[in-house]
C-alpha atoms as a PDB file:
ATOM      1  CA  MET A   1     -19.593 184.227  88.804  1.00  0.00           C
ATOM      2  CA  THR A   2     -16.265 183.743  90.657  1.00  0.00           C
ATOM      3  CA  ILE A   3     -16.517 183.344  94.235  1.00  0.00           C
ATOM      4  CA  GLU A   4     -13.963 186.330  94.920  1.00  0.00           C
ATOM      5  CA  GLN A   5     -16.730 188.633  93.577  1.00  0.00           C
ATOM      6  CA  ILE A   6     -19.108 186.665  95.666  1.00  0.00           C
ATOM      7  CA  ILE A   7     -17.172 187.400  98.983  1.00  0.00           C
ATOM      8  CA  LYS A   8     -17.080 191.306  98.344  1.00  0.00           C
ATOM      9  CA  TYR A   9     -20.900 191.373  98.472  1.00  0.00           C
ATOM     10  CA  VAL A  10     -22.271 188.111 100.248  1.00  0.00           C
ATOM     11  CA  PRO A  11     -21.154 186.237 103.347  1.00  0.00           C
ATOM     12  CA  THR A  12     -19.395 183.118 102.469  1.00  0.00           C
ATOM     13  CA  SER A  13     -18.751 179.747 104.018  1.00  0.00           C
ATOM     14  CA  LYS A  14     -14.744 179.031 104.864  1.00  0.00           C
ATOM     15  CA  CYS A  15     -15.031 176.488 102.422  1.00  0.00           C
ATOM     16  CA  GLY A  16     -16.793 178.461  99.654  1.00  0.00           C
ATOM     17  CA  LYS A  17     -19.651 176.119  99.193  1.00  0.00           C
ATOM     18  CA  TYR A  18     -22.084 178.085 100.908  1.00  0.00           C
ATOM     19  CA  VAL A  19     -23.370 181.563 101.021  1.00  0.00           C
ATOM     20  CA  TYR A  20     -25.360 183.297 103.682  1.00  0.00           C
ATOM     21  CA  PRO A  21     -27.424 186.236 101.695  1.00  0.00           C
ATOM     22  CA  ILE A  22     -29.048 188.940 103.747  1.00  0.00           C
ATOM     23  CA  ASP A  23     -32.792 189.325 102.970  1.00  0.00           C
ATOM     24  CA  SER A  24     -33.207 192.955 101.954  1.00  0.00           C
ATOM     25  CA  VAL A  25     -36.549 193.778 103.789  1.00  0.00           C
ATOM     26  CA  THR A  26     -36.101 191.881 107.136  1.00  0.00           C
ATOM     27  CA  GLY A  27     -32.113 191.921 107.308  1.00  0.00           C
ATOM     28  CA  ALA A  28     -32.121 188.249 108.147  1.00  0.00           C
ATOM     29  CA  LYS A  29     -29.188 185.990 107.183  1.00  0.00           C
ATOM     30  CA  THR A  30     -30.457 182.812 105.169  1.00  0.00           C
ATOM     31  CA  PHE A  31     -28.486 179.903 103.939  1.00  0.00           C
ATOM     32  CA  ALA A  32     -27.995 178.310 100.264  1.00  0.00           C
ATOM     33  CA  PRO A  33     -25.042 176.265  98.556  1.00  0.00           C
ATOM     34  CA  ILE A  34     -23.086 178.360  96.081  1.00  0.00           C
ATOM     35  CA  ASP A  35     -24.405 176.316  92.898  1.00  0.00           C
ATOM     36  CA  TYR A  36     -28.246 177.341  93.829  1.00  0.00           C
ATOM     37  CA  PHE A  37     -27.263 180.893  94.766  1.00  0.00           C
ATOM     38  CA  ASN A  38     -25.482 181.080  91.395  1.00  0.00           C
ATOM     39  CA  LYS A  39     -28.482 179.922  89.285  1.00  0.00           C
ATOM     40  CA  ARG A  40     -30.752 182.415  91.243  1.00  0.00           C
ATOM     41  CA  LEU A  41     -28.390 185.202  90.613  1.00  0.00           C
ATOM     42  CA  GLU A  42     -28.525 184.553  86.945  1.00  0.00           C
ATOM     43  CA  LYS A  43     -31.975 183.833  86.664  1.00  0.00           C
ATOM     44  CA  ASP A  44     -33.629 186.354  88.993  1.00  0.00           C
ATOM     45  CA  PHE A  45     -31.162 189.387  89.178  1.00  0.00           C
ATOM     46  CA  GLY A  46     -29.310 188.910  85.735  1.00  0.00           C
ATOM     47  CA  GLY A  47     -25.822 188.412  87.249  1.00  0.00           C
ATOM     48  CA  SER A  48     -25.677 191.265  89.031  1.00  0.00           C
ATOM     49  CA  ILE A  49     -24.358 190.908  92.436  1.00  0.00           C
ATOM     50  CA  GLN A  50     -25.129 194.519  93.401  1.00  0.00           C
ATOM     51  CA  ARG A  51     -28.661 194.296  92.256  1.00  0.00           C
ATOM     52  CA  PHE A  52     -29.001 191.033  94.284  1.00  0.00           C
ATOM     53  CA  VAL A  53     -27.649 192.812  97.506  1.00  0.00           C
ATOM     54  CA  LYS A  54     -30.322 195.575  97.136  1.00  0.00           C
ATOM     55  CA  GLU A  55     -33.535 193.625  96.078  1.00  0.00           C
ATOM     56  CA  TYR A  56     -33.276 189.835  97.672  1.00  0.00           C
ATOM     57  CA  VAL A  57     -36.332 188.670  99.495  1.00  0.00           C
ATOM     58  CA  SER A  58     -36.395 185.364 101.296  1.00  0.00           C
ATOM     59  CA  ARG A  59     -39.116 183.006 100.608  1.00  0.00           C
ATOM     60  CA  GLU A  60     -40.251 183.234 104.179  1.00  0.00           C
ATOM     61  CA  THR A  61     -40.281 187.087 104.298  1.00  0.00           C
ATOM     62  CA  LYS A  62     -42.507 186.741 100.815  1.00  0.00           C
ATOM     63  CA  LYS A  63     -45.206 184.518 102.248  1.00  0.00           C
ATOM     64  CA  TYR A  64     -45.347 186.990 105.346  1.00  0.00           C
ATOM     65  CA  LEU A  65     -45.771 190.063 102.824  1.00  0.00           C
ATOM     66  CA  LYS A  66     -48.381 188.141 101.092  1.00  0.00           C
ATOM     67  CA  GLU A  67     -50.215 187.702 104.084  1.00  0.00           C
ATOM     68  CA  GLY A  68     -50.464 191.471 104.603  1.00  0.00           C
ATOM     69  CA  TRP A  69     -47.467 192.083 107.046  1.00  0.00           C
ATOM     70  CA  SER A  70     -45.544 195.305 106.799  1.00  0.00           C
ATOM     71  CA  ALA A  71     -41.720 195.529 106.329  1.00  0.00           C
ATOM     72  CA  GLU A  72     -41.193 197.541 109.755  1.00  0.00           C
ATOM     73  CA  GLY A  73     -43.065 195.182 111.665  1.00  0.00           C
ATOM     74  CA  LEU A  74     -41.093 191.755 109.864  1.00  0.00           C
ATOM     75  CA  ARG A  75     -37.879 194.057 110.852  1.00  0.00           C
ATOM     76  CA  GLU A  76     -39.014 194.081 114.534  1.00  0.00           C
ATOM     77  CA  ILE A  77     -39.745 190.510 114.717  1.00  0.00           C
ATOM     78  CA  VAL A  78     -36.299 189.447 113.303  1.00  0.00           C
ATOM     79  CA  ALA A  79     -34.791 192.125 115.387  1.00  0.00           C
ATOM     80  CA  LYS A  80     -35.907 190.263 118.544  1.00  0.00           C
ATOM     81  CA  ASN A  81     -36.019 186.555 117.615  1.00  0.00           C
ATOM     82  CA  GLY A  82     -33.232 186.608 115.173  1.00  0.00           C
ATOM     83  CA  LYS A  83     -35.533 184.611 112.404  1.00  0.00           C
ATOM     84  CA  LEU A  84     -39.082 184.783 111.495  1.00  0.00           C
ATOM     85  CA  PRO A  85     -41.564 182.318 113.076  1.00  0.00           C
ATOM     86  CA  LYS A  86     -43.419 179.712 110.935  1.00  0.00           C
ATOM     87  CA  LEU A  87     -46.885 181.237 110.035  1.00  0.00           C
ATOM     88  CA  ASP A  88     -50.004 179.406 111.490  1.00  0.00           C
ATOM     89  CA  ARG A  89     -51.644 178.439 108.432  1.00  0.00           C
ATOM     90  CA  LYS A  90     -50.556 175.816 105.986  1.00  0.00           C
ATOM     91  CA  PRO A  91     -49.485 176.882 102.573  1.00  0.00           C
ATOM     92  CA  LYS A  92     -51.793 176.158  99.603  1.00  0.00           C
ATOM     93  CA  LYS A  93     -51.494 172.706  97.820  1.00  0.00           C
ATOM     94  CA  ASP A  94     -49.733 172.851  94.435  1.00  0.00           C
ATOM     95  CA  PRO A  95     -52.369 172.725  91.729  1.00  0.00           C
ATOM     96  CA  ASN A  96     -50.135 170.408  89.655  1.00  0.00           C
ATOM     97  CA  ALA A  97     -49.416 167.932  92.260  1.00  0.00           C
ATOM     98  CA  PRO A  98     -51.045 164.608  91.720  1.00  0.00           C
ATOM     99  CA  LYS A  99     -54.230 163.720  93.655  1.00  0.00           C
ATOM    100  CA  LYS A 100     -54.365 161.378  96.287  1.00  0.00           C
ATOM    101  CA  VAL A 101     -56.257 158.306  94.788  1.00  0.00           C
ATOM    102  CA  ARG A 102     -59.003 156.954  97.011  1.00  0.00           C
ATOM    103  CA  ARG A 103     -60.129 153.301  97.299  1.00  0.00           C
ATOM    104  CA  LYS A 104     -63.559 152.317  97.107  1.00  0.00           C
ATOM    105  CA  ARG A 105     -64.935 151.351 100.062  1.00  0.00           C
ATOM    106  CA  LEU A 106     -67.130 148.237 100.538  1.00  0.00           C
ATOM    107  CA  ALA A 107     -70.449 150.177 100.252  1.00  0.00           C
ATOM    108  CA  ALA A 108     -69.727 151.741  96.929  1.00  0.00           C
ATOM    109  CA  HIS A 109     -69.628 147.940  95.373  1.00  0.00           C
ATOM    110  CA  ALA A 110     -72.932 147.209  96.415  1.00  0.00           C
ATOM    111  CA  GLU A 111     -75.247 146.851  93.443  1.00  0.00           C
ATOM    112  CA  THR A 112     -78.412 147.353  95.623  1.00  0.00           C
ATOM    113  CA  SER A 113     -79.406 148.223  99.228  1.00  0.00           C
ATOM    114  CA  THR A 114     -82.629 147.935 101.230  1.00  0.00           C
ATOM    115  CA  VAL A 115     -83.677 149.455 104.219  1.00  0.00           C
ATOM    116  CA  VAL A 116     -85.367 146.829 106.868  1.00  0.00           C
ATOM    117  CA  THR A 117     -86.803 147.920 110.219  1.00  0.00           C
ATOM    118  CA  ASN A 118     -85.682 145.238 112.730  1.00  0.00           C
ATOM    119  CA  GLU A 119     -88.116 143.730 115.812  1.00  0.00           C
ATOM    120  CA  ASP A 120     -86.900 146.625 117.977  1.00  0.00           C
ATOM    121  CA  GLY A 121     -87.791 149.221 115.626  1.00  0.00           C
ATOM    122  CA  THR A 122     -84.314 150.203 114.650  1.00  0.00           C
ATOM    123  CA  LYS A 123     -83.648 150.394 110.779  1.00  0.00           C
ATOM    124  CA  GLU A 124     -80.570 148.154 109.222  1.00  0.00           C
ATOM    125  CA  VAL A 125     -79.227 148.631 105.607  1.00  0.00           C
ATOM    126  CA  ILE A 126     -78.809 145.541 103.877  1.00  0.00           C
ATOM    127  CA  ARG A 127     -76.656 145.377 100.539  1.00  0.00           C
ATOM    128  CA  VAL A 128     -76.177 143.156  97.848  1.00  0.00           C
ATOM    129  CA  TYR A 129     -72.785 142.854  96.515  1.00  0.00           C
ATOM    130  CA  PRO A 130     -71.857 141.590  93.328  1.00  0.00           C
ATOM    131  CA  TRP A 131     -70.140 138.548  94.567  1.00  0.00           C
ATOM    132  CA  SER A 132     -72.995 137.072  96.179  1.00  0.00           C
ATOM    133  CA  GLY A 133     -75.971 137.398  98.097  1.00  0.00           C
ATOM    134  CA  ASP A 134     -73.959 137.004 101.293  1.00  0.00           C
ATOM    135  CA  PRO A 135     -71.802 139.608 102.111  1.00  0.00           C
ATOM    136  CA  THR A 136     -69.652 137.499 104.216  1.00  0.00           C
ATOM    137  CA  ASN A 137     -69.102 134.992 101.383  1.00  0.00           C
ATOM    138  CA  PHE A 138     -66.138 136.476  98.957  1.00  0.00           C
ATOM    139  CA  PHE A 139     -65.944 133.532  96.845  1.00  0.00           C
ATOM    140  CA  ARG A 140     -67.736 132.971  93.483  1.00  0.00           C
ATOM    141  CA  SER A 141     -67.622 129.604  93.255  1.00  0.00           C
ATOM    142  CA  ALA A 142     -66.886 126.393  95.566  1.00  0.00           C
ATOM    143  CA  PRO A 143     -62.996 125.627  95.805  1.00  0.00           C
ATOM    144  CA  VAL A 144     -61.825 123.227  93.042  1.00  0.00           C
ATOM    145  CA  LEU A 145     -60.181 120.008  94.350  1.00  0.00           C
ATOM    146  CA  GLU A 146     -57.219 119.064  92.365  1.00  0.00           C
ATOM    147  CA  SER A 147     -55.945 115.485  92.436  1.00  0.00           C
ATOM    148  CA  VAL A 148     -52.630 114.970  94.206  1.00  0.00           C
ATOM    149  CA  GLU A 149     -51.069 113.206  91.251  1.00  0.00           C
ATOM    150  CA  GLU A 150     -51.637 116.319  89.292  1.00  0.00           C
ATOM    151  CA  LEU A 151     -50.531 118.666  92.338  1.00  0.00           C
ATOM    152  CA  THR A 152     -47.106 116.479  92.803  1.00  0.00           C
ATOM    153  CA  LYS A 153     -46.064 116.379  89.054  1.00  0.00           C
ATOM    154  CA  ASN A 154     -43.735 119.036  89.189  1.00  0.00           C
ATOM    155  CA  ALA A 155     -43.065 119.820  92.541  1.00  0.00           C
ATOM    156  CA  CYS A 156     -43.339 117.901  96.406  1.00  0.00           C
ATOM    157  CA  LEU A 157     -46.327 118.895  98.443  1.00  0.00           C
ATOM    158  CA  ARG A 158     -44.532 118.435 101.782  1.00  0.00           C
ATOM    159  CA  PRO A 159     -40.693 119.418 100.992  1.00  0.00           C
ATOM    160  CA  ASP A 160     -39.960 119.701 104.622  1.00  0.00           C
ATOM    161  CA  ILE A 161     -40.745 115.785 104.952  1.00  0.00           C
ATOM    162  CA  TYR A 162     -38.678 114.824 101.916  1.00  0.00           C
ATOM    163  CA  LEU A 163     -35.649 116.952 103.033  1.00  0.00           C
ATOM    164  CA  ASP A 164     -35.593 115.927 106.815  1.00  0.00           C
ATOM    165  CA  ASP A 165     -36.917 112.184 106.173  1.00  0.00           C
ATOM    166  CA  GLU A 166     -36.635 111.227 102.748  1.00  0.00           C
ATOM    167  CA  CYS A 167     -40.524 111.047 102.313  1.00  0.00           C
ATOM    168  CA  TYR A 168     -40.666 108.800 105.420  1.00  0.00           C
ATOM    169  CA  GLY A 169     -44.311 109.845 107.127  1.00  0.00           C
ATOM    170  CA  CYS A 170     -45.723 111.754 104.313  1.00  0.00           C
ATOM    171  CA  ASN A 171     -49.305 111.833 104.012  1.00  0.00           C
ATOM    172  CA  TYR A 172     -49.369 111.973 100.215  1.00  0.00           C
ATOM    173  CA  TYR A 173     -46.723 109.217  99.503  1.00  0.00           C
ATOM    174  CA  LYS A 174     -48.825 106.625  97.891  1.00  0.00           C
ATOM    175  CA  GLU A 175     -50.651 109.139  95.662  1.00  0.00           C
ATOM    176  CA  CYS A 176     -47.268 111.350  94.712  1.00  0.00           C
ATOM    177  CA  VAL A 177     -45.881 111.314  91.517  1.00  0.00           C
ATOM    178  CA  CYS A 178     -42.974 113.646  91.875  1.00  0.00           C
ATOM    179  CA  ASP A 179     -39.514 112.815  90.368  1.00  0.00           C
ATOM    180  CA  LEU A 180     -37.698 113.548  93.910  1.00  0.00           C
ATOM    181  CA  LYS A 181     -39.835 110.802  95.653  1.00  0.00           C
ATOM    182  CA  ASN A 182     -37.833 108.189  97.549  1.00  0.00           C
ATOM    183  CA  HIS A 183     -38.665 105.058  96.149  1.00  0.00           C
ATOM    184  CA  LYS A 184     -37.110 103.309  98.491  1.00  0.00           C
ATOM    185  CA  LEU A 185     -39.804 103.400 101.102  1.00  0.00           C
ATOM    186  CA  LYS A 186     -42.991 101.123 100.238  1.00  0.00           C
END
């Protein structure tokens, strides 16, 4: 559709990039880029601008009509305010939208739980977790200590000392086997 044909029936911006179609129910002006307007014109109105001018209903007006408002009531609101106010209710969620993935809470990981009555009479739930009998211990086994020789085969443990003082004052100097080790110190 050419811009000259559109200008005859629908208000257009000076630059010709935007159109301001008028809602046929409320008489309110809306706003759309020319490309989107042409796509809607072809898809919904078969390319007929005359049909578009007679039948165009904005998205906001459709929401109000779906809620049960009358066309006359909507025209009165637009005549007073110049536009339709926002509806109070939230729109329905899109059924095709991906659902929010919920993370499991700590209690969901418990293998068993027991209820214990304390000395003061209050009940307390004690949970047993798979990683240990103690929920504060998050490690399955004791930490494995590695030798300094093995750790320093490929990299320096204290590059800050190496770069600043060329290994002078390093705690690991005697056990270090790093290629960068400064051998002048002994």
